[in-house]
Amino acid sequence: MFVGRIKTQGYLRDGRTKIRRIIQIEVEARTGHDGSPAIVRNLSETGLLLETRASLEPNDILYIDLPISGECAAEIVWIDGVRHGCRFLAPIPKATVSAAELLSPHLDRPKDVRDEASHQDIEIEQMLAKGEQQWASANFSLILFIIVTATFIFAIFNIAA
């Protein structure tokens, strides 16, 4: 039996209609004649998260080469530092998303390079670990309470007898 896990941003937000696949592909982001190195951090049929140090503005159109689809045009919707949220002018095929996922290193990224989804995964894991510790502590307290109560009841019956 084979067991696998596809890492996704498992929720839709900001009006997105497709789930983003978390990937890491180096590309060249071109605006007109100028090109800059960039990394695609997540990808769906309708958009992508791009990291680049290029001087770009919202509403700029950029072109990137993706597997299967070739050159794709995307509009920059928002910018946060080096992170650029982009929407494709025309949706790309699911096959392109799958090919990009296969070409992406197995999500083995340096520890200091984390996206929003991995931060959430870490927070969830920490909350679960904390919850397990609290549950174990509560179970211990309950067992201790039962033992003390049983001892007290036993002592009362022995005194009365």
N, C-alpha and C. Protein backbone atom coordinates (compact mmCIF):
# COMPACT_ATOMS: atom_id res chain seq x y z
N MET A 1 0.84 -1.17 0.00
CA MET A 1 0.00 0.00 0.00
C MET A 1 0.89 1.24 0.00
N PHE A 2 0.53 2.22 -0.83
CA PHE A 2 1.26 3.48 -0.91
C PHE A 2 0.50 4.56 -0.19
N VAL A 3 1.22 5.35 0.57
CA VAL A 3 0.61 6.46 1.28
C VAL A 3 1.36 7.72 0.86
N GLY A 4 0.63 8.75 0.50
CA GLY A 4 1.27 10.00 0.09
C GLY A 4 0.51 11.18 0.63
N ARG A 5 1.14 12.33 0.54
CA ARG A 5 0.50 13.55 1.01
C ARG A 5 0.80 14.66 0.02
N ILE A 6 -0.24 15.27 -0.48
CA ILE A 6 -0.06 16.43 -1.33
C ILE A 6 -0.31 17.64 -0.46
N LYS A 7 0.67 18.49 -0.38
CA LYS A 7 0.55 19.66 0.49
C LYS A 7 -0.14 20.77 -0.28
N THR A 8 -1.23 21.27 0.28
CA THR A 8 -1.97 22.35 -0.36
C THR A 8 -2.29 23.40 0.67
N GLN A 9 -2.66 24.56 0.17
CA GLN A 9 -3.26 25.53 1.04
C GLN A 9 -4.71 25.13 1.05
N GLY A 10 -5.10 24.38 2.07
CA GLY A 10 -6.37 23.68 2.11
C GLY A 10 -7.58 24.55 2.34
N TYR A 11 -7.52 25.77 2.05
CA TYR A 11 -8.67 26.62 2.22
C TYR A 11 -8.67 27.63 1.08
N LEU A 12 -9.82 28.15 0.77
CA LEU A 12 -9.92 29.17 -0.27
C LEU A 12 -10.14 30.50 0.43
N ARG A 13 -9.41 31.49 0.03
CA ARG A 13 -9.57 32.81 0.64
C ARG A 13 -9.47 33.88 -0.43
N ASP A 14 -9.84 35.07 -0.07
CA ASP A 14 -9.75 36.21 -0.97
C ASP A 14 -10.44 35.98 -2.29
N GLY A 15 -11.55 35.24 -2.27
CA GLY A 15 -12.31 35.03 -3.50
C GLY A 15 -11.68 34.03 -4.45
N ARG A 16 -10.69 33.28 -4.00
CA ARG A 16 -10.07 32.30 -4.89
C ARG A 16 -11.06 31.19 -5.20
N THR A 17 -10.92 30.65 -6.40
CA THR A 17 -11.81 29.57 -6.81
C THR A 17 -11.07 28.24 -6.90
N LYS A 18 -9.76 28.24 -6.81
CA LYS A 18 -8.96 27.02 -6.92
C LYS A 18 -7.97 26.95 -5.76
N ILE A 19 -7.72 25.75 -5.28
CA ILE A 19 -6.75 25.54 -4.21
C ILE A 19 -5.34 25.67 -4.79
N ARG A 20 -4.48 26.35 -4.06
CA ARG A 20 -3.09 26.54 -4.50
C ARG A 20 -2.25 25.34 -4.08
N ARG A 21 -1.40 24.88 -5.00
CA ARG A 21 -0.43 23.82 -4.71
C ARG A 21 0.88 24.48 -4.30
N ILE A 22 1.44 24.04 -3.20
CA ILE A 22 2.69 24.62 -2.72
C ILE A 22 3.84 23.97 -3.48
N ILE A 23 4.59 24.80 -4.18
CA ILE A 23 5.70 24.32 -5.00
C ILE A 23 6.90 25.24 -4.80
N GLN A 24 7.97 24.94 -5.51
CA GLN A 24 9.15 25.81 -5.52
C GLN A 24 9.83 25.62 -6.86
N ILE A 25 9.58 26.53 -7.78
CA ILE A 25 10.17 26.46 -9.11
C ILE A 25 10.84 27.79 -9.42
N GLU A 26 12.09 27.72 -9.88
CA GLU A 26 12.79 28.93 -10.30
C GLU A 26 12.38 29.27 -11.72
N VAL A 27 12.01 30.52 -11.94
CA VAL A 27 11.58 30.99 -13.25
C VAL A 27 12.19 32.36 -13.51
N GLU A 28 11.98 32.86 -14.72
CA GLU A 28 12.33 34.24 -15.03
C GLU A 28 11.03 34.99 -15.23
N ALA A 29 10.84 36.04 -14.46
CA ALA A 29 9.64 36.88 -14.59
C ALA A 29 9.99 38.02 -15.53
N ARG A 30 9.26 38.11 -16.63
CA ARG A 30 9.54 39.14 -17.63
C ARG A 30 8.40 40.14 -17.73
N THR A 31 8.76 41.39 -17.76
CA THR A 31 7.80 42.46 -18.06
C THR A 31 8.35 43.16 -19.29
N GLY A 32 7.70 42.98 -20.42
CA GLY A 32 8.23 43.55 -21.66
C GLY A 32 9.53 42.87 -22.01
N HIS A 33 10.62 43.65 -22.06
CA HIS A 33 11.93 43.09 -22.44
C HIS A 33 12.78 42.73 -21.24
N ASP A 34 12.44 43.27 -20.07
CA ASP A 34 13.23 43.03 -18.87
C ASP A 34 12.82 41.72 -18.20
N GLY A 35 13.83 40.97 -17.73
CA GLY A 35 13.55 39.74 -17.00
C GLY A 35 14.30 39.72 -15.68
N SER A 36 13.70 39.10 -14.68
CA SER A 36 14.32 38.99 -13.36
C SER A 36 14.13 37.57 -12.84
N PRO A 37 15.13 37.05 -12.10
CA PRO A 37 14.93 35.73 -11.51
C PRO A 37 13.82 35.78 -10.46
N ALA A 38 13.08 34.69 -10.39
CA ALA A 38 11.96 34.63 -9.44
C ALA A 38 11.73 33.18 -9.04
N ILE A 39 10.98 32.99 -7.96
CA ILE A 39 10.60 31.66 -7.50
C ILE A 39 9.09 31.63 -7.36
N VAL A 40 8.47 30.62 -7.97
CA VAL A 40 7.03 30.41 -7.81
C VAL A 40 6.87 29.58 -6.54
N ARG A 41 6.14 30.11 -5.54
CA ARG A 41 5.96 29.43 -4.26
C ARG A 41 4.67 28.63 -4.18
N ASN A 42 3.63 29.10 -4.87
CA ASN A 42 2.42 28.29 -4.97
C ASN A 42 1.74 28.59 -6.28
N LEU A 43 0.89 27.65 -6.71
CA LEU A 43 0.35 27.72 -8.06
C LEU A 43 -1.02 27.06 -8.10
N SER A 44 -1.92 27.68 -8.83
CA SER A 44 -3.22 27.07 -9.12
C SER A 44 -3.52 27.35 -10.58
N GLU A 45 -4.66 26.90 -11.04
CA GLU A 45 -5.05 27.15 -12.42
C GLU A 45 -5.32 28.62 -12.67
N THR A 46 -5.56 29.38 -11.62
CA THR A 46 -5.95 30.78 -11.80
C THR A 46 -4.93 31.79 -11.29
N GLY A 47 -3.90 31.35 -10.55
CA GLY A 47 -2.94 32.32 -10.04
C GLY A 47 -1.72 31.68 -9.41
N LEU A 48 -0.82 32.53 -8.90
CA LEU A 48 0.41 32.04 -8.30
C LEU A 48 0.95 33.05 -7.31
N LEU A 49 1.83 32.58 -6.44
CA LEU A 49 2.59 33.43 -5.53
C LEU A 49 4.02 33.41 -6.03
N LEU A 50 4.54 34.59 -6.34
CA LEU A 50 5.86 34.72 -6.94
C LEU A 50 6.74 35.52 -5.99
N GLU A 51 7.98 35.07 -5.79
CA GLU A 51 8.95 35.84 -5.02
C GLU A 51 10.00 36.35 -5.98
N THR A 52 10.20 37.66 -5.97
CA THR A 52 11.23 38.27 -6.81
C THR A 52 11.64 39.61 -6.22
N ARG A 53 12.86 40.00 -6.51
CA ARG A 53 13.33 41.31 -6.06
C ARG A 53 13.13 42.36 -7.15
N ALA A 54 12.49 41.98 -8.24
CA ALA A 54 12.23 42.92 -9.33
C ALA A 54 11.33 44.05 -8.86
N SER A 55 11.51 45.20 -9.46
CA SER A 55 10.70 46.36 -9.12
C SER A 55 9.40 46.28 -9.92
N LEU A 56 8.35 45.78 -9.27
CA LEU A 56 7.06 45.59 -9.93
C LEU A 56 5.98 46.33 -9.14
N GLU A 57 4.88 46.60 -9.79
CA GLU A 57 3.75 47.30 -9.18
C GLU A 57 2.47 46.51 -9.40
N PRO A 58 1.47 46.69 -8.53
CA PRO A 58 0.17 46.06 -8.79
C PRO A 58 -0.35 46.49 -10.17
N ASN A 59 -1.03 45.57 -10.81
CA ASN A 59 -1.59 45.73 -12.16
C ASN A 59 -0.56 45.57 -13.27
N ASP A 60 0.76 45.42 -12.93
CA ASP A 60 1.75 45.11 -13.97
C ASP A 60 1.44 43.73 -14.53
N ILE A 61 1.73 43.54 -15.79
CA ILE A 61 1.58 42.23 -16.43
C ILE A 61 2.98 41.65 -16.56
N LEU A 62 3.14 40.40 -16.12
CA LEU A 62 4.42 39.73 -16.28
C LEU A 62 4.21 38.40 -16.98
N TYR A 63 5.30 37.90 -17.55
CA TYR A 63 5.26 36.65 -18.31
C TYR A 63 6.25 35.68 -17.69
N ILE A 64 5.80 34.45 -17.46
CA ILE A 64 6.69 33.41 -16.94
C ILE A 64 6.48 32.15 -17.76
N ASP A 65 7.56 31.36 -17.87
CA ASP A 65 7.47 30.07 -18.57
C ASP A 65 7.14 28.99 -17.56
N LEU A 66 6.07 28.27 -17.82
CA LEU A 66 5.67 27.16 -16.96
C LEU A 66 5.69 25.88 -17.77
N PRO A 67 5.92 24.72 -17.11
CA PRO A 67 5.93 23.46 -17.84
C PRO A 67 4.59 23.23 -18.54
N ILE A 68 4.64 22.65 -19.69
CA ILE A 68 3.50 22.31 -20.54
C ILE A 68 2.88 23.54 -21.20
N SER A 69 2.53 24.56 -20.42
CA SER A 69 1.85 25.73 -20.98
C SER A 69 2.80 26.70 -21.67
N GLY A 70 4.08 26.67 -21.32
CA GLY A 70 5.01 27.64 -21.88
C GLY A 70 4.80 29.00 -21.25
N GLU A 71 4.90 30.06 -22.07
CA GLU A 71 4.79 31.42 -21.54
C GLU A 71 3.36 31.74 -21.14
N CYS A 72 3.19 32.19 -19.90
CA CYS A 72 1.87 32.54 -19.36
C CYS A 72 1.91 33.98 -18.88
N ALA A 73 0.84 34.70 -19.13
CA ALA A 73 0.74 36.10 -18.68
C ALA A 73 -0.05 36.14 -17.38
N ALA A 74 0.44 36.94 -16.44
CA ALA A 74 -0.23 37.09 -15.15
C ALA A 74 -0.20 38.56 -14.74
N GLU A 75 -1.25 38.97 -14.06
CA GLU A 75 -1.35 40.33 -13.54
C GLU A 75 -1.02 40.32 -12.06
N ILE A 76 -0.20 41.26 -11.63
CA ILE A 76 0.12 41.37 -10.20
C ILE A 76 -1.07 42.00 -9.49
N VAL A 77 -1.59 41.29 -8.49
CA VAL A 77 -2.76 41.75 -7.75
C VAL A 77 -2.34 42.46 -6.46
N TRP A 78 -1.35 41.91 -5.76
CA TRP A 78 -0.87 42.52 -4.52
C TRP A 78 0.62 42.26 -4.37
N ILE A 79 1.26 43.08 -3.54
CA ILE A 79 2.69 42.95 -3.27
C ILE A 79 2.91 43.09 -1.77
N ASP A 80 3.74 42.19 -1.23
CA ASP A 80 4.14 42.26 0.18
C ASP A 80 5.63 41.97 0.23
N GLY A 81 6.45 43.00 0.18
CA GLY A 81 7.89 42.81 0.15
C GLY A 81 8.30 42.19 -1.18
N VAL A 82 8.92 41.00 -1.11
CA VAL A 82 9.33 40.31 -2.33
C VAL A 82 8.26 39.35 -2.83
N ARG A 83 7.17 39.23 -2.08
CA ARG A 83 6.08 38.32 -2.45
C ARG A 83 5.06 39.06 -3.32
N HIS A 84 4.68 38.43 -4.43
CA HIS A 84 3.76 39.03 -5.38
C HIS A 84 2.62 38.05 -5.66
N GLY A 85 1.41 38.43 -5.32
CA GLY A 85 0.24 37.61 -5.64
C GLY A 85 -0.22 37.95 -7.05
N CYS A 86 -0.32 36.94 -7.88
CA CYS A 86 -0.64 37.16 -9.30
C CYS A 86 -1.84 36.34 -9.74
N ARG A 87 -2.57 36.88 -10.72
CA ARG A 87 -3.72 36.19 -11.31
C ARG A 87 -3.42 36.02 -12.80
N PHE A 88 -3.58 34.78 -13.28
CA PHE A 88 -3.35 34.53 -14.70
C PHE A 88 -4.42 35.24 -15.53
N LEU A 89 -4.00 35.80 -16.67
CA LEU A 89 -4.97 36.44 -17.56
C LEU A 89 -5.89 35.40 -18.18
N ALA A 90 -5.35 34.21 -18.42
CA ALA A 90 -6.15 33.07 -18.90
C ALA A 90 -5.79 31.88 -18.03
N PRO A 91 -6.77 31.13 -17.52
CA PRO A 91 -6.46 29.98 -16.65
C PRO A 91 -5.51 29.00 -17.35
N ILE A 92 -4.65 28.38 -16.55
CA ILE A 92 -3.73 27.38 -17.08
C ILE A 92 -4.33 25.99 -16.85
N PRO A 93 -3.91 25.00 -17.63
CA PRO A 93 -4.46 23.64 -17.45
C PRO A 93 -4.00 23.00 -16.13
N LYS A 94 -4.81 22.08 -15.63
CA LYS A 94 -4.44 21.31 -14.43
C LYS A 94 -3.12 20.58 -14.66
N ALA A 95 -2.88 20.15 -15.90
CA ALA A 95 -1.65 19.43 -16.21
C ALA A 95 -0.42 20.29 -15.93
N THR A 96 -0.52 21.58 -16.16
CA THR A 96 0.60 22.49 -15.88
C THR A 96 0.87 22.54 -14.38
N VAL A 97 -0.19 22.62 -13.59
CA VAL A 97 -0.04 22.64 -12.13
C VAL A 97 0.61 21.34 -11.66
N SER A 98 0.14 20.21 -12.20
CA SER A 98 0.69 18.90 -11.81
C SER A 98 2.15 18.79 -12.22
N ALA A 99 2.48 19.24 -13.44
CA ALA A 99 3.87 19.17 -13.91
C ALA A 99 4.78 20.04 -13.04
N ALA A 100 4.31 21.22 -12.68
CA ALA A 100 5.10 22.10 -11.82
C ALA A 100 5.33 21.45 -10.46
N GLU A 101 4.31 20.77 -9.96
CA GLU A 101 4.43 20.07 -8.68
C GLU A 101 5.48 18.96 -8.76
N LEU A 102 5.47 18.24 -9.87
CA LEU A 102 6.43 17.16 -10.05
C LEU A 102 7.86 17.68 -10.21
N LEU A 103 8.01 18.84 -10.84
CA LEU A 103 9.34 19.42 -11.04
C LEU A 103 9.87 20.11 -9.79
N SER A 104 9.00 20.40 -8.87
CA SER A 104 9.38 21.08 -7.64
C SER A 104 10.14 20.12 -6.74
N PRO A 105 11.22 20.60 -6.08
CA PRO A 105 11.88 19.73 -5.11
C PRO A 105 10.85 19.30 -4.07
N HIS A 106 10.98 18.16 -3.53
CA HIS A 106 9.97 17.53 -2.66
C HIS A 106 9.68 18.38 -1.42
N LEU A 107 9.45 19.67 -1.65
CA LEU A 107 9.14 20.61 -0.57
C LEU A 107 10.21 20.63 0.51
N ASP A 108 11.44 20.23 0.11
CA ASP A 108 12.55 20.31 1.06
C ASP A 108 13.16 21.69 0.92
N ARG A 109 12.71 22.60 1.77
CA ARG A 109 13.16 23.97 1.71
C ARG A 109 13.98 24.28 2.94
N PRO A 110 14.87 25.26 2.82
CA PRO A 110 15.60 25.67 4.02
C PRO A 110 14.63 26.08 5.11
N LYS A 111 15.03 25.89 6.35
CA LYS A 111 14.15 26.15 7.49
C LYS A 111 13.71 27.61 7.57
N ASP A 112 14.55 28.54 7.07
CA ASP A 112 14.19 29.95 7.20
C ASP A 112 13.28 30.43 6.08
N VAL A 113 13.03 29.61 5.08
CA VAL A 113 12.14 30.00 3.99
C VAL A 113 10.84 29.25 4.17
N ARG A 114 9.85 29.94 4.72
CA ARG A 114 8.57 29.30 5.01
C ARG A 114 7.46 30.17 4.47
N ASP A 115 6.45 29.54 3.94
CA ASP A 115 5.30 30.29 3.48
C ASP A 115 4.20 30.26 4.53
N GLU A 116 3.13 30.94 4.25
CA GLU A 116 2.03 31.08 5.22
C GLU A 116 1.47 29.72 5.62
N ALA A 117 1.33 28.82 4.66
CA ALA A 117 0.74 27.51 4.98
C ALA A 117 1.63 26.73 5.93
N SER A 118 2.97 26.78 5.72
CA SER A 118 3.84 26.02 6.61
C SER A 118 3.84 26.63 8.01
N HIS A 119 3.71 27.96 8.11
CA HIS A 119 3.58 28.58 9.44
C HIS A 119 2.32 28.07 10.13
N GLN A 120 1.24 27.97 9.38
CA GLN A 120 -0.01 27.48 9.96
C GLN A 120 0.13 26.02 10.36
N ASP A 121 0.81 25.21 9.54
CA ASP A 121 1.03 23.81 9.89
C ASP A 121 1.80 23.71 11.20
N ILE A 122 2.84 24.52 11.35
CA ILE A 122 3.64 24.50 12.57
C ILE A 122 2.80 24.91 13.77
N GLU A 123 2.00 25.97 13.60
CA GLU A 123 1.14 26.42 14.70
C GLU A 123 0.14 25.34 15.10
N ILE A 124 -0.44 24.67 14.12
CA ILE A 124 -1.40 23.60 14.40
C ILE A 124 -0.71 22.45 15.13
N GLU A 125 0.49 22.07 14.66
CA GLU A 125 1.22 20.99 15.32
C GLU A 125 1.56 21.37 16.77
N GLN A 126 1.95 22.63 16.99
CA GLN A 126 2.26 23.08 18.34
C GLN A 126 1.02 23.05 19.23
N MET A 127 -0.13 23.49 18.67
CA MET A 127 -1.37 23.47 19.45
C MET A 127 -1.76 22.04 19.79
N LEU A 128 -1.60 21.12 18.82
CA LEU A 128 -1.94 19.72 19.08
C LEU A 128 -1.03 19.14 20.16
N ALA A 129 0.27 19.44 20.07
CA ALA A 129 1.20 18.94 21.08
C ALA A 129 0.85 19.49 22.46
N LYS A 130 0.53 20.78 22.51
CA LYS A 130 0.14 21.39 23.79
C LYS A 130 -1.15 20.76 24.31
N GLY A 131 -2.10 20.52 23.41
CA GLY A 131 -3.36 19.89 23.80
C GLY A 131 -3.15 18.48 24.33
N GLU A 132 -2.23 17.73 23.69
CA GLU A 132 -1.94 16.37 24.17
C GLU A 132 -1.32 16.42 25.57
N GLN A 133 -0.43 17.40 25.81
CA GLN A 133 0.17 17.54 27.13
C GLN A 133 -0.89 17.88 28.17
N GLN A 134 -1.79 18.80 27.82
CA GLN A 134 -2.84 19.19 28.75
C GLN A 134 -3.78 18.02 29.01
N TRP A 135 -4.08 17.24 27.98
CA TRP A 135 -4.95 16.08 28.13
C TRP A 135 -4.31 15.05 29.07
N ALA A 136 -3.02 14.81 28.90
CA ALA A 136 -2.32 13.87 29.78
C ALA A 136 -2.33 14.38 31.21
N SER A 137 -2.12 15.66 31.39
CA SER A 137 -2.15 16.25 32.73
C SER A 137 -3.54 16.14 33.34
N ALA A 138 -4.57 16.38 32.54
CA ALA A 138 -5.96 16.27 33.03
C ALA A 138 -6.27 14.83 33.41
N ASN A 139 -5.83 13.87 32.61
CA ASN A 139 -6.06 12.45 32.93
C ASN A 139 -5.38 12.08 34.24
N PHE A 140 -4.15 12.54 34.42
CA PHE A 140 -3.42 12.26 35.66
C PHE A 140 -4.17 12.86 36.85
N SER A 141 -4.62 14.11 36.70
CA SER A 141 -5.36 14.77 37.79
C SER A 141 -6.65 14.02 38.11
N LEU A 142 -7.35 13.55 37.09
CA LEU A 142 -8.60 12.82 37.30
C LEU A 142 -8.34 11.50 38.04
N ILE A 143 -7.32 10.78 37.63
CA ILE A 143 -6.99 9.51 38.29
C ILE A 143 -6.60 9.76 39.75
N LEU A 144 -5.79 10.80 39.98
CA LEU A 144 -5.39 11.14 41.34
C LEU A 144 -6.61 11.50 42.19
N PHE A 145 -7.55 12.26 41.63
CA PHE A 145 -8.78 12.64 42.33
C PHE A 145 -9.59 11.39 42.69
N ILE A 146 -9.71 10.45 41.76
CA ILE A 146 -10.47 9.22 42.01
C ILE A 146 -9.82 8.41 43.13
N ILE A 147 -8.50 8.31 43.12
CA ILE A 147 -7.79 7.56 44.16
C ILE A 147 -7.98 8.21 45.53
N VAL A 148 -7.83 9.54 45.60
CA VAL A 148 -8.00 10.25 46.87
C VAL A 148 -9.43 10.10 47.37
N THR A 149 -10.41 10.23 46.47
CA THR A 149 -11.82 10.09 46.85
C THR A 149 -12.11 8.68 47.35
N ALA A 150 -11.61 7.67 46.65
CA ALA A 150 -11.83 6.28 47.06
C ALA A 150 -11.18 6.03 48.42
N THR A 151 -9.97 6.56 48.63
CA THR A 151 -9.29 6.40 49.91
C THR A 151 -10.08 7.07 51.03
N PHE A 152 -10.60 8.25 50.77
CA PHE A 152 -11.41 8.98 51.75
C PHE A 152 -12.67 8.19 52.11
N ILE A 153 -13.38 7.69 51.11
CA ILE A 153 -14.60 6.91 51.35
C ILE A 153 -14.27 5.64 52.12
N PHE A 154 -13.19 4.97 51.74
CA PHE A 154 -12.76 3.75 52.44
C PHE A 154 -12.44 4.07 53.91
N ALA A 155 -11.76 5.19 54.14
CA ALA A 155 -11.42 5.59 55.51
C ALA A 155 -12.67 5.90 56.33
N ILE A 156 -13.65 6.56 55.74
CA ILE A 156 -14.90 6.87 56.45
C ILE A 156 -15.62 5.58 56.83
N PHE A 157 -15.71 4.62 55.92
CA PHE A 157 -16.38 3.35 56.23
C PHE A 157 -15.63 2.57 57.31
N ASN A 158 -14.31 2.62 57.30
CA ASN A 158 -13.52 1.93 58.33
C ASN A 158 -13.68 2.59 59.70
N ILE A 159 -13.78 3.91 59.73
CA ILE A 159 -13.98 4.61 61.00
C ILE A 159 -15.37 4.30 61.55
N ALA A 160 -16.37 4.28 60.67
CA ALA A 160 -17.75 4.03 61.08
C ALA A 160 -17.93 2.59 61.54
N ALA A 161 -17.14 1.68 61.05
CA ALA A 161 -17.32 0.27 61.40
C ALA A 161 -16.62 -0.05 62.64
